[in-house]
C-alpha cells in the first residue's frame, strides 16, 4: 500500500455533522459502528446492506436509501464515507468532491481520503488511537489487541510486545 506520509492524529466533535455513507457492506458497517453515536445524522445509500445496517435503520439510528449512488447525492453533507465494492463508483465520488470542503474517507483508496479511521482502544475516560498511516492496518489492529489485553490485567505485555517488534525491525 502506498504510504500516506505524516498524518496529524486528532480528535473531533462531529455532533453537528451529517454523514453520508455510500455502500452497505462489512467495511461500511464497521465505519458506521465507529460514528453511530458521534454524528448528528447518518444516511446510507446502497441497494443492499448488512443485517446490522438494516437493524440500525429499522431502529431509527440511521436512514437507509435502498438504491445505487447518483451524482449529487453528496450535496449538503460535510462528512462522507465511500465504501462500495466498486472502485469506479468510489473514484467517481472522489473526483466529484475534489474541490469541496468535506471530510472524506474512501475505503479502497486511502490516498484519496483526508480523514482516516484509527484502531482505537477505549479505557474511559482515555481513548488511544493507533495508526500506521495507512501502510499496515493489520499491524495497527494487532497493536490494539495487545494493548487491550495488557490493560485488562495491568501487566506489561504491551511493552514487551513493542520491544519484540523493535528487536525484529533491527534484524
N, C-alpha and C. Protein backbone atom coordinates (compact mmCIF):
# COMPACT_ATOMS: atom_id res chain seq x y z
N UNK A 1 0.84 -1.18 0.00
CA UNK A 1 0.00 0.00 0.00
C UNK A 1 0.89 1.24 0.00
N UNK A 2 0.47 2.24 -0.70
CA UNK A 2 1.20 3.50 -0.80
C UNK A 2 1.20 4.25 0.53
N UNK A 3 2.38 4.71 0.95
CA UNK A 3 2.46 5.46 2.20
C UNK A 3 1.79 6.81 2.04
N UNK A 4 1.05 7.21 3.06
CA UNK A 4 0.30 8.46 3.02
C UNK A 4 1.09 9.64 3.54
N UNK A 5 2.28 9.40 4.06
CA UNK A 5 3.07 10.49 4.63
C UNK A 5 2.69 10.71 6.07
N UNK A 6 3.21 11.76 6.65
CA UNK A 6 2.95 12.06 8.05
C UNK A 6 1.53 12.59 8.21
N UNK A 7 0.80 12.00 9.13
CA UNK A 7 -0.59 12.39 9.38
C UNK A 7 -0.72 13.01 10.76
N UNK A 8 -1.66 13.90 10.89
CA UNK A 8 -1.98 14.51 12.17
C UNK A 8 -3.11 13.69 12.79
N UNK A 9 -2.84 13.16 13.98
CA UNK A 9 -3.90 12.46 14.70
C UNK A 9 -4.54 13.44 15.66
N UNK A 10 -5.85 13.55 15.60
CA UNK A 10 -6.56 14.48 16.45
C UNK A 10 -7.97 13.96 16.72
N UNK A 11 -8.61 14.51 17.69
CA UNK A 11 -9.99 14.16 17.99
C UNK A 11 -10.87 15.30 17.51
N UNK A 12 -12.10 14.97 17.15
CA UNK A 12 -13.01 16.00 16.67
C UNK A 12 -14.40 15.82 17.22
N UNK A 13 -15.16 16.89 17.23
CA UNK A 13 -16.55 16.87 17.65
C UNK A 13 -17.41 16.91 16.39
N UNK A 14 -18.07 15.81 16.10
CA UNK A 14 -18.88 15.70 14.89
C UNK A 14 -20.38 15.69 15.21
N UNK A 15 -20.76 16.10 16.42
CA UNK A 15 -22.16 16.06 16.85
C UNK A 15 -23.08 16.91 15.97
N UNK A 16 -22.52 17.92 15.30
CA UNK A 16 -23.35 18.78 14.44
C UNK A 16 -23.28 18.37 12.98
N UNK A 17 -22.59 17.29 12.70
CA UNK A 17 -22.34 16.90 11.31
C UNK A 17 -23.30 15.81 10.85
N UNK A 18 -23.70 15.92 9.60
CA UNK A 18 -24.48 14.88 8.94
C UNK A 18 -23.52 14.06 8.10
N UNK A 19 -23.63 12.76 8.19
CA UNK A 19 -22.71 11.87 7.48
C UNK A 19 -23.46 11.08 6.41
N UNK A 20 -22.85 11.02 5.24
CA UNK A 20 -23.36 10.19 4.15
C UNK A 20 -22.42 9.01 4.01
N UNK A 21 -22.98 7.81 3.99
CA UNK A 21 -22.21 6.60 3.75
C UNK A 21 -22.69 6.01 2.44
N UNK A 22 -21.79 5.88 1.49
CA UNK A 22 -22.11 5.29 0.20
C UNK A 22 -21.56 3.87 0.22
N UNK A 23 -22.43 2.90 0.28
CA UNK A 23 -22.05 1.50 0.41
C UNK A 23 -22.68 0.91 1.66
N UNK A 24 -22.92 -0.39 1.64
CA UNK A 24 -23.60 -1.00 2.78
C UNK A 24 -23.05 -2.34 3.19
N UNK A 25 -21.79 -2.62 2.83
CA UNK A 25 -21.17 -3.90 3.17
C UNK A 25 -20.50 -3.89 4.54
N UNK A 26 -19.59 -4.84 4.71
CA UNK A 26 -18.94 -5.01 6.02
C UNK A 26 -18.03 -3.84 6.39
N UNK A 27 -17.32 -3.27 5.43
CA UNK A 27 -16.47 -2.12 5.73
C UNK A 27 -17.34 -0.94 6.15
N UNK A 28 -18.41 -0.69 5.43
CA UNK A 28 -19.33 0.39 5.80
C UNK A 28 -19.91 0.14 7.19
N UNK A 29 -20.25 -1.09 7.49
CA UNK A 29 -20.81 -1.43 8.80
C UNK A 29 -19.82 -1.10 9.92
N UNK A 30 -18.54 -1.48 9.73
CA UNK A 30 -17.53 -1.18 10.75
C UNK A 30 -17.37 0.32 10.95
N UNK A 31 -17.35 1.06 9.86
CA UNK A 31 -17.15 2.51 9.96
C UNK A 31 -18.36 3.19 10.60
N UNK A 32 -19.54 2.75 10.21
CA UNK A 32 -20.76 3.31 10.82
C UNK A 32 -20.77 3.02 12.32
N UNK A 33 -20.35 1.82 12.70
CA UNK A 33 -20.30 1.47 14.12
C UNK A 33 -19.43 2.42 14.92
N UNK A 34 -18.38 2.94 14.30
CA UNK A 34 -17.49 3.87 14.99
C UNK A 34 -18.10 5.27 15.13
N UNK A 35 -18.99 5.65 14.22
CA UNK A 35 -19.51 7.03 14.23
C UNK A 35 -20.96 7.13 14.66
N UNK A 36 -21.61 6.01 14.88
CA UNK A 36 -23.06 6.00 15.14
C UNK A 36 -23.48 6.94 16.25
N UNK A 37 -22.68 7.05 17.28
CA UNK A 37 -23.05 7.90 18.41
C UNK A 37 -22.30 9.22 18.46
N UNK A 38 -21.57 9.55 17.38
CA UNK A 38 -20.79 10.79 17.41
C UNK A 38 -21.17 11.79 16.32
N UNK A 39 -22.07 11.43 15.42
CA UNK A 39 -22.54 12.38 14.41
C UNK A 39 -24.04 12.64 14.64
N UNK A 40 -24.52 13.74 14.08
CA UNK A 40 -25.92 14.11 14.26
C UNK A 40 -26.84 13.14 13.52
N UNK A 41 -26.49 12.82 12.28
CA UNK A 41 -27.38 12.03 11.44
C UNK A 41 -26.55 11.24 10.42
N UNK A 42 -26.98 10.02 10.12
CA UNK A 42 -26.31 9.19 9.11
C UNK A 42 -27.33 8.77 8.06
N UNK A 43 -26.95 8.95 6.80
CA UNK A 43 -27.73 8.44 5.68
C UNK A 43 -26.85 7.44 4.94
N UNK A 44 -27.38 6.26 4.68
CA UNK A 44 -26.68 5.23 3.93
C UNK A 44 -27.37 5.07 2.58
N UNK A 45 -26.57 5.12 1.52
CA UNK A 45 -27.10 4.87 0.18
C UNK A 45 -26.45 3.59 -0.32
N UNK A 46 -27.28 2.57 -0.53
CA UNK A 46 -26.80 1.28 -1.03
C UNK A 46 -28.01 0.43 -1.39
N UNK A 47 -27.92 -0.32 -2.50
CA UNK A 47 -29.05 -1.19 -2.85
C UNK A 47 -29.23 -2.33 -1.86
N UNK A 48 -28.13 -2.77 -1.25
CA UNK A 48 -28.16 -3.86 -0.26
C UNK A 48 -27.26 -3.47 0.90
N UNK A 49 -27.64 -3.88 2.10
CA UNK A 49 -26.83 -3.60 3.28
C UNK A 49 -26.73 -4.85 4.14
N UNK A 50 -25.80 -4.81 5.08
CA UNK A 50 -25.68 -5.92 6.03
C UNK A 50 -26.89 -5.93 6.95
N UNK A 51 -27.08 -7.04 7.63
CA UNK A 51 -28.18 -7.13 8.59
C UNK A 51 -28.05 -6.07 9.68
N UNK A 52 -26.83 -5.78 10.08
CA UNK A 52 -26.60 -4.79 11.14
C UNK A 52 -27.08 -3.41 10.70
N UNK A 53 -26.72 -3.00 9.48
CA UNK A 53 -27.17 -1.69 8.99
C UNK A 53 -28.69 -1.67 8.86
N UNK A 54 -29.26 -2.75 8.38
CA UNK A 54 -30.72 -2.83 8.25
C UNK A 54 -31.39 -2.67 9.62
N UNK A 55 -30.83 -3.29 10.66
CA UNK A 55 -31.40 -3.16 12.02
C UNK A 55 -31.27 -1.73 12.52
N UNK A 56 -30.12 -1.10 12.27
CA UNK A 56 -29.96 0.30 12.69
C UNK A 56 -31.01 1.18 12.01
N UNK A 57 -31.28 0.89 10.73
CA UNK A 57 -32.30 1.66 10.01
C UNK A 57 -33.70 1.40 10.61
N UNK A 58 -33.99 0.14 10.89
CA UNK A 58 -35.29 -0.20 11.49
C UNK A 58 -35.48 0.47 12.85
N UNK A 59 -34.38 0.60 13.60
CA UNK A 59 -34.45 1.21 14.92
C UNK A 59 -34.34 2.73 14.89
N UNK A 60 -34.27 3.32 13.69
CA UNK A 60 -34.23 4.77 13.56
C UNK A 60 -32.87 5.39 13.87
N UNK A 61 -31.81 4.59 13.90
CA UNK A 61 -30.48 5.14 14.21
C UNK A 61 -29.83 5.76 12.98
N UNK A 62 -30.33 5.39 11.80
CA UNK A 62 -29.86 5.96 10.55
C UNK A 62 -30.95 5.81 9.51
N UNK A 63 -30.75 6.47 8.38
CA UNK A 63 -31.69 6.36 7.26
C UNK A 63 -30.99 5.59 6.15
N UNK A 64 -31.68 4.56 5.62
CA UNK A 64 -31.13 3.77 4.53
C UNK A 64 -31.95 4.06 3.28
N UNK A 65 -31.28 4.59 2.25
CA UNK A 65 -31.90 4.78 0.94
C UNK A 65 -31.50 3.58 0.09
N UNK A 66 -32.45 2.73 -0.17
CA UNK A 66 -32.21 1.44 -0.81
C UNK A 66 -32.10 1.61 -2.33
N UNK A 67 -30.94 2.11 -2.75
CA UNK A 67 -30.70 2.35 -4.17
C UNK A 67 -29.22 2.58 -4.40
N UNK A 68 -28.82 2.69 -5.66
CA UNK A 68 -27.44 2.99 -6.01
C UNK A 68 -27.17 4.48 -5.82
N UNK A 69 -25.91 4.81 -5.66
CA UNK A 69 -25.45 6.19 -5.60
C UNK A 69 -25.75 6.89 -6.92
N UNK A 70 -26.14 8.16 -6.84
CA UNK A 70 -26.31 9.00 -8.02
C UNK A 70 -25.50 10.28 -7.81
N UNK A 71 -24.85 10.78 -8.86
CA UNK A 71 -24.13 12.04 -8.72
C UNK A 71 -25.04 13.12 -8.14
N UNK A 72 -24.53 13.83 -7.17
CA UNK A 72 -25.30 14.85 -6.49
C UNK A 72 -25.81 14.42 -5.12
N UNK A 73 -25.82 13.10 -4.87
CA UNK A 73 -26.27 12.61 -3.56
C UNK A 73 -25.45 13.19 -2.41
N UNK A 74 -24.22 13.54 -2.70
CA UNK A 74 -23.30 14.01 -1.65
C UNK A 74 -23.53 15.46 -1.25
N UNK A 75 -24.35 16.18 -1.99
CA UNK A 75 -24.59 17.60 -1.70
C UNK A 75 -25.20 17.78 -0.31
N UNK A 76 -24.65 18.73 0.43
CA UNK A 76 -25.17 19.05 1.76
C UNK A 76 -24.54 18.27 2.90
N UNK A 77 -23.67 17.33 2.60
CA UNK A 77 -23.02 16.55 3.65
C UNK A 77 -21.60 17.07 3.88
N UNK A 78 -21.19 17.09 5.14
CA UNK A 78 -19.85 17.56 5.48
C UNK A 78 -18.91 16.41 5.80
N UNK A 79 -19.44 15.21 5.93
CA UNK A 79 -18.66 14.03 6.30
C UNK A 79 -19.16 12.89 5.42
N UNK A 80 -18.29 12.36 4.59
CA UNK A 80 -18.70 11.34 3.63
C UNK A 80 -17.76 10.14 3.71
N UNK A 81 -18.36 8.96 3.82
CA UNK A 81 -17.61 7.70 3.80
C UNK A 81 -18.01 6.97 2.52
N UNK A 82 -17.02 6.62 1.72
CA UNK A 82 -17.27 5.90 0.48
C UNK A 82 -16.71 4.50 0.64
N UNK A 83 -17.59 3.52 0.69
CA UNK A 83 -17.18 2.14 0.96
C UNK A 83 -18.01 1.15 0.15
N UNK A 84 -18.06 1.36 -1.16
CA UNK A 84 -18.76 0.39 -2.01
C UNK A 84 -17.78 -0.69 -2.43
N UNK A 85 -18.30 -1.72 -3.03
CA UNK A 85 -17.44 -2.79 -3.57
C UNK A 85 -16.99 -2.48 -4.98
N UNK A 86 -17.33 -1.30 -5.47
CA UNK A 86 -16.99 -0.92 -6.84
C UNK A 86 -16.04 0.27 -6.83
N UNK A 87 -14.79 0.00 -7.14
CA UNK A 87 -13.76 1.04 -7.13
C UNK A 87 -14.12 2.21 -8.04
N UNK A 88 -14.76 1.94 -9.17
CA UNK A 88 -15.11 3.01 -10.10
C UNK A 88 -16.11 3.98 -9.48
N UNK A 89 -17.05 3.46 -8.70
CA UNK A 89 -18.02 4.33 -8.01
C UNK A 89 -17.29 5.15 -6.95
N UNK A 90 -16.41 4.50 -6.20
CA UNK A 90 -15.66 5.21 -5.16
C UNK A 90 -14.86 6.36 -5.76
N UNK A 91 -14.18 6.10 -6.87
CA UNK A 91 -13.37 7.14 -7.51
C UNK A 91 -14.24 8.23 -8.13
N UNK A 92 -15.43 7.89 -8.62
CA UNK A 92 -16.34 8.90 -9.16
C UNK A 92 -16.70 9.91 -8.08
N UNK A 93 -17.00 9.40 -6.88
CA UNK A 93 -17.33 10.30 -5.78
C UNK A 93 -16.12 11.17 -5.43
N UNK A 94 -14.94 10.56 -5.37
CA UNK A 94 -13.72 11.31 -5.07
C UNK A 94 -13.54 12.45 -6.05
N UNK A 95 -13.68 12.17 -7.33
CA UNK A 95 -13.47 13.21 -8.35
C UNK A 95 -14.53 14.32 -8.26
N UNK A 96 -15.75 13.96 -7.91
CA UNK A 96 -16.79 14.97 -7.76
C UNK A 96 -16.51 15.88 -6.56
N UNK A 97 -15.86 15.33 -5.54
CA UNK A 97 -15.65 16.08 -4.30
C UNK A 97 -14.27 16.70 -4.18
N UNK A 98 -13.46 16.57 -5.18
CA UNK A 98 -12.06 17.01 -5.10
C UNK A 98 -11.93 18.45 -4.60
N UNK A 99 -12.82 19.33 -4.98
CA UNK A 99 -12.70 20.75 -4.60
C UNK A 99 -13.74 21.18 -3.58
N UNK A 100 -14.41 20.22 -2.96
CA UNK A 100 -15.38 20.54 -1.90
C UNK A 100 -14.67 20.46 -0.56
N UNK A 101 -15.16 21.20 0.40
CA UNK A 101 -14.60 21.17 1.74
C UNK A 101 -15.41 20.21 2.60
N UNK A 102 -15.07 18.92 2.47
CA UNK A 102 -15.75 17.89 3.24
C UNK A 102 -14.71 16.96 3.84
N UNK A 103 -15.09 16.28 4.92
CA UNK A 103 -14.28 15.20 5.46
C UNK A 103 -14.62 13.97 4.63
N UNK A 104 -13.61 13.36 4.03
CA UNK A 104 -13.84 12.26 3.10
C UNK A 104 -12.97 11.06 3.47
N UNK A 105 -13.62 9.90 3.60
CA UNK A 105 -12.92 8.64 3.83
C UNK A 105 -13.30 7.69 2.72
N UNK A 106 -12.30 7.22 1.96
CA UNK A 106 -12.53 6.31 0.84
C UNK A 106 -11.87 4.98 1.18
N UNK A 107 -12.69 3.95 1.36
CA UNK A 107 -12.20 2.68 1.89
C UNK A 107 -11.08 2.06 1.07
N UNK A 108 -11.23 2.01 -0.25
CA UNK A 108 -10.23 1.30 -1.05
C UNK A 108 -9.19 2.22 -1.68
N UNK A 109 -9.25 3.50 -1.40
CA UNK A 109 -8.27 4.46 -1.91
C UNK A 109 -7.90 5.43 -0.80
N UNK A 110 -7.19 4.96 0.23
CA UNK A 110 -6.88 5.84 1.36
C UNK A 110 -6.10 7.09 0.96
N UNK A 111 -5.35 7.01 -0.12
CA UNK A 111 -4.59 8.18 -0.57
C UNK A 111 -5.50 9.29 -1.07
N UNK A 112 -6.76 8.99 -1.36
CA UNK A 112 -7.73 9.98 -1.80
C UNK A 112 -8.52 10.58 -0.63
N UNK A 113 -8.31 10.04 0.56
CA UNK A 113 -9.04 10.48 1.75
C UNK A 113 -8.34 11.66 2.41
N UNK A 114 -9.10 12.41 3.19
CA UNK A 114 -8.49 13.41 4.06
C UNK A 114 -8.86 13.14 5.51
N UNK A 115 -9.50 11.99 5.75
CA UNK A 115 -9.87 11.56 7.08
C UNK A 115 -9.75 10.04 7.12
N UNK A 116 -9.07 9.52 8.15
CA UNK A 116 -8.87 8.08 8.27
C UNK A 116 -9.33 7.62 9.64
N UNK A 117 -9.71 6.37 9.71
CA UNK A 117 -10.10 5.78 10.98
C UNK A 117 -8.86 5.11 11.59
N UNK A 118 -8.70 5.30 12.89
CA UNK A 118 -7.59 4.66 13.60
C UNK A 118 -8.11 3.44 14.34
N UNK A 119 -7.20 2.54 14.67
CA UNK A 119 -7.55 1.44 15.55
C UNK A 119 -7.59 2.03 16.96
N UNK A 120 -8.65 1.81 17.67
CA UNK A 120 -8.91 2.58 18.89
C UNK A 120 -9.05 1.69 20.12
N UNK A 121 -8.42 2.12 21.19
CA UNK A 121 -8.56 1.47 22.50
C UNK A 121 -9.29 2.45 23.40
N UNK A 122 -10.38 2.00 24.01
CA UNK A 122 -11.17 2.86 24.88
C UNK A 122 -11.01 2.39 26.33
N UNK A 123 -10.26 3.15 27.09
CA UNK A 123 -10.10 2.90 28.51
C UNK A 123 -10.62 4.15 29.22
N UNK A 124 -11.93 4.34 29.11
CA UNK A 124 -12.59 5.56 29.55
C UNK A 124 -12.04 6.03 30.88
N UNK A 125 -11.77 7.31 30.98
CA UNK A 125 -12.10 8.38 30.05
C UNK A 125 -11.04 8.60 28.97
N UNK A 126 -10.04 7.74 28.90
CA UNK A 126 -8.97 7.89 27.92
C UNK A 126 -9.24 7.01 26.71
N UNK A 127 -9.02 7.56 25.52
CA UNK A 127 -9.12 6.80 24.27
C UNK A 127 -7.79 6.93 23.55
N UNK A 128 -7.25 5.79 23.12
CA UNK A 128 -5.95 5.75 22.48
C UNK A 128 -6.14 5.34 21.02
N UNK A 129 -5.61 6.13 20.10
CA UNK A 129 -5.69 5.82 18.68
C UNK A 129 -4.35 5.31 18.17
N UNK A 130 -4.40 4.27 17.34
CA UNK A 130 -3.19 3.68 16.77
C UNK A 130 -3.33 3.73 15.26
N UNK A 131 -2.31 4.26 14.59
CA UNK A 131 -2.34 4.37 13.13
C UNK A 131 -1.01 3.95 12.54
N UNK A 132 -1.06 3.32 11.39
CA UNK A 132 0.15 3.00 10.63
C UNK A 132 0.24 3.91 9.41
N UNK A 133 -0.49 5.03 9.43
CA UNK A 133 -0.56 5.97 8.31
C UNK A 133 -1.01 5.28 7.02
N UNK A 134 -1.88 4.30 7.19
CA UNK A 134 -2.43 3.60 6.03
C UNK A 134 -1.54 2.52 5.46
N UNK A 135 -0.35 2.34 6.00
CA UNK A 135 0.60 1.38 5.42
C UNK A 135 0.36 -0.06 5.87
N UNK A 136 -0.11 -0.23 7.10
CA UNK A 136 -0.25 -1.58 7.62
C UNK A 136 -1.39 -1.63 8.65
N UNK A 137 -2.64 -1.57 8.19
CA UNK A 137 -3.77 -1.60 9.13
C UNK A 137 -3.80 -2.85 10.01
N UNK A 138 -3.31 -3.98 9.49
CA UNK A 138 -3.33 -5.20 10.31
C UNK A 138 -2.38 -5.08 11.49
N UNK A 139 -1.27 -4.37 11.32
CA UNK A 139 -0.35 -4.14 12.44
C UNK A 139 -1.02 -3.27 13.48
N UNK A 140 -1.73 -2.23 13.05
CA UNK A 140 -2.45 -1.37 13.99
C UNK A 140 -3.45 -2.19 14.80
N UNK A 141 -4.15 -3.09 14.11
CA UNK A 141 -5.13 -3.94 14.80
C UNK A 141 -4.44 -4.84 15.82
N UNK A 142 -3.30 -5.45 15.44
CA UNK A 142 -2.57 -6.32 16.37
C UNK A 142 -2.09 -5.54 17.59
N UNK A 143 -1.60 -4.32 17.37
CA UNK A 143 -1.16 -3.48 18.49
C UNK A 143 -2.33 -3.14 19.40
N UNK A 144 -3.50 -2.85 18.80
CA UNK A 144 -4.69 -2.55 19.60
C UNK A 144 -5.08 -3.74 20.46
N UNK A 145 -5.09 -4.92 19.87
CA UNK A 145 -5.47 -6.13 20.62
C UNK A 145 -4.49 -6.38 21.75
N UNK A 146 -3.19 -6.21 21.48
CA UNK A 146 -2.17 -6.42 22.52
C UNK A 146 -2.34 -5.40 23.64
N UNK A 147 -2.61 -4.15 23.30
CA UNK A 147 -2.77 -3.11 24.31
C UNK A 147 -4.01 -3.38 25.16
N UNK A 148 -5.11 -3.76 24.52
CA UNK A 148 -6.33 -4.06 25.26
C UNK A 148 -6.10 -5.21 26.25
N UNK A 149 -5.43 -6.26 25.79
CA UNK A 149 -5.16 -7.40 26.66
C UNK A 149 -4.28 -6.99 27.83
N UNK A 150 -3.28 -6.17 27.55
CA UNK A 150 -2.38 -5.72 28.60
C UNK A 150 -3.11 -4.87 29.63
N UNK A 151 -3.97 -3.99 29.17
CA UNK A 151 -4.66 -3.10 30.10
C UNK A 151 -5.71 -3.83 30.94
N UNK A 152 -6.19 -4.96 30.43
CA UNK A 152 -7.18 -5.74 31.19
C UNK A 152 -6.62 -6.25 32.50
N UNK A 153 -5.35 -6.66 32.50
CA UNK A 153 -4.79 -7.22 33.73
C UNK A 153 -3.67 -6.37 34.33
N UNK A 154 -3.42 -5.18 33.74
CA UNK A 154 -2.43 -4.28 34.32
C UNK A 154 -1.00 -4.75 34.17
N UNK A 155 -0.74 -5.72 33.32
CA UNK A 155 0.60 -6.26 33.15
C UNK A 155 1.45 -5.46 32.19
N UNK A 156 2.53 -6.03 31.78
CA UNK A 156 3.49 -5.36 30.90
C UNK A 156 3.56 -5.99 29.52
N UNK A 157 2.55 -6.75 29.12
CA UNK A 157 2.63 -7.44 27.83
C UNK A 157 2.77 -6.49 26.66
N UNK A 158 2.11 -5.35 26.70
CA UNK A 158 2.18 -4.42 25.58
C UNK A 158 3.60 -3.90 25.40
N UNK A 159 4.23 -3.52 26.49
CA UNK A 159 5.61 -3.04 26.42
C UNK A 159 6.52 -4.14 25.88
N UNK A 160 6.31 -5.37 26.33
CA UNK A 160 7.11 -6.50 25.83
C UNK A 160 6.86 -6.73 24.34
N UNK A 161 5.61 -6.59 23.92
CA UNK A 161 5.27 -6.76 22.51
C UNK A 161 5.95 -5.68 21.65
N UNK A 162 5.91 -4.44 22.11
CA UNK A 162 6.58 -3.37 21.38
C UNK A 162 8.09 -3.63 21.31
N UNK A 163 8.66 -4.13 22.39
CA UNK A 163 10.09 -4.43 22.40
C UNK A 163 10.41 -5.53 21.39
N UNK A 164 9.54 -6.54 21.29
CA UNK A 164 9.78 -7.62 20.32
C UNK A 164 9.70 -7.11 18.89
N UNK A 165 8.77 -6.20 18.62
CA UNK A 165 8.66 -5.61 17.28
C UNK A 165 9.92 -4.80 16.98
N UNK A 166 10.35 -4.02 17.96
CA UNK A 166 11.54 -3.22 17.78
C UNK A 166 12.76 -4.11 17.49
N UNK A 167 12.90 -5.19 18.26
CA UNK A 167 14.03 -6.10 18.07
C UNK A 167 14.00 -6.75 16.69
N UNK A 168 12.79 -7.14 16.23
CA UNK A 168 12.66 -7.75 14.89
C UNK A 168 12.98 -6.75 13.80
N UNK A 169 12.63 -5.48 14.01
CA UNK A 169 12.89 -4.46 12.99
C UNK A 169 14.39 -4.17 12.84
N UNK A 170 15.14 -4.43 13.88
CA UNK A 170 16.58 -4.21 13.81
C UNK A 170 17.30 -5.31 13.04
N UNK A 171 16.66 -6.47 12.94
CA UNK A 171 17.29 -7.62 12.24
C UNK A 171 17.35 -7.43 10.75
